[in-house]
Protein backbone atom coordinates (compact mmCIF):
# COMPACT_ATOMS: atom_id res chain seq x y z
CA MET A 1 -22.60 -179.90 36.13
CA ASN A 2 -24.93 -181.98 34.05
CA ASP A 3 -21.98 -182.64 31.59
CA SER A 4 -19.84 -184.32 34.05
CA ARG A 5 -22.69 -186.62 35.44
CA LYS A 6 -23.38 -187.70 32.03
CA GLU A 7 -19.83 -188.45 31.39
CA SER A 8 -19.44 -190.51 34.56
CA GLU A 9 -22.74 -192.25 33.74
CA LYS A 10 -21.06 -193.36 30.26
CA GLU A 11 -17.88 -194.56 32.14
CA GLY A 12 -19.88 -196.67 34.63
CA THR A 13 -21.53 -198.92 32.01
CA GLY A 14 -18.60 -200.99 31.27
CA MET A 15 -19.20 -201.20 27.51
CA SER A 16 -18.33 -198.79 24.91
CA ASP A 17 -20.85 -197.59 22.30
CA ALA A 18 -18.97 -199.39 19.43
CA ASN A 19 -19.08 -202.99 21.47
CA THR A 20 -23.01 -202.27 22.17
CA LYS A 21 -23.58 -201.60 18.47
CA ILE A 22 -21.69 -204.85 17.34
CA LEU A 23 -23.49 -207.07 20.00
CA LEU A 24 -26.92 -205.54 18.88
CA TYR A 25 -26.16 -206.10 15.28
CA SER A 26 -24.97 -209.44 15.95
CA ILE A 27 -28.27 -210.24 17.79
CA ILE A 28 -30.69 -208.84 15.09
CA GLY A 29 -28.44 -210.74 12.31
CA MET A 30 -28.86 -214.23 14.09
CA LEU A 31 -32.70 -213.50 14.86
CA ALA A 32 -33.20 -212.40 11.12
CA LEU A 33 -31.33 -215.54 9.92
CA GLY A 34 -33.14 -217.66 12.15
CA PHE A 35 -36.56 -216.02 11.14
CA LEU A 36 -35.79 -216.43 7.37
CA SER A 37 -34.60 -220.19 7.60
CA VAL A 38 -37.85 -221.07 9.47
CA LEU A 39 -39.95 -219.00 7.04
CA PHE A 40 -38.46 -220.34 3.87
CA VAL A 41 -37.67 -223.83 4.69
CA ILE A 42 -39.33 -225.39 7.72
CA VAL A 43 -42.95 -223.62 7.15
CA PRO A 44 -43.39 -224.87 3.56
CA TRP A 45 -42.11 -228.33 4.59
CA LEU A 46 -44.53 -228.74 7.27
CA LEU A 47 -47.37 -227.27 5.37
CA HIS A 48 -46.97 -229.11 2.17
CA ASP A 49 -50.49 -229.84 0.95
CA ASP A 50 -50.16 -231.46 -2.49
CA SER A 51 -46.78 -229.68 -3.20
CA PRO A 52 -47.64 -226.06 -3.81
CA SER A 53 -45.47 -224.32 -6.02
CA TRP A 54 -42.45 -222.27 -4.84
CA LYS A 55 -43.84 -219.11 -6.50
CA GLN A 56 -47.05 -219.35 -4.11
CA ILE A 57 -44.80 -219.94 -1.13
CA LEU A 58 -42.75 -216.86 -1.98
CA VAL A 59 -45.84 -214.88 -2.39
CA ASP A 60 -47.11 -215.88 0.81
CA ASP A 61 -43.78 -215.29 2.63
CA SER A 62 -43.48 -211.86 1.02
CA ILE A 63 -46.73 -210.69 2.45
CA VAL A 64 -45.84 -212.00 5.92
CA LEU A 65 -42.41 -210.08 5.52
CA VAL A 66 -44.23 -206.95 4.61
CA THR A 67 -46.60 -207.18 7.55
CA ILE A 68 -43.68 -207.83 9.97
CA ALA A 69 -41.80 -205.00 8.40
CA MET A 70 -44.76 -202.69 9.02
CA PHE A 71 -45.25 -203.60 12.58
CA VAL A 72 -41.65 -203.24 13.34
CA TYR A 73 -41.48 -199.90 11.77
CA GLY A 74 -44.60 -198.95 13.81
CA PHE A 75 -43.03 -199.98 16.87
CA TYR A 76 -39.98 -197.90 16.17
CA MET A 77 -41.64 -194.95 15.43
CA ASN A 78 -43.87 -195.34 18.56
CA THR A 79 -40.57 -195.39 20.72
CA LYS A 80 -39.38 -192.21 18.99
CA ILE A 81 -42.61 -190.43 19.65
CA HIS A 82 -42.58 -191.06 23.44
């Protein structure tokens, strides 16, 4: 009985799993592209105090990326636990 209810719930969503995955990957890709463009182009342009070297900008940005990656991984692991 539970199997038939699960199948009817899947049919009632209106979107297949493949379409949902494509939509999710598209949204994540656009957000990542926007984040990287802001991080590597606009932030150094706005905060150019006496033209820092690109090496220093990339080091600073990599620290930010590692911090965000750790936060996202922690959030993902938290959702898997609960």
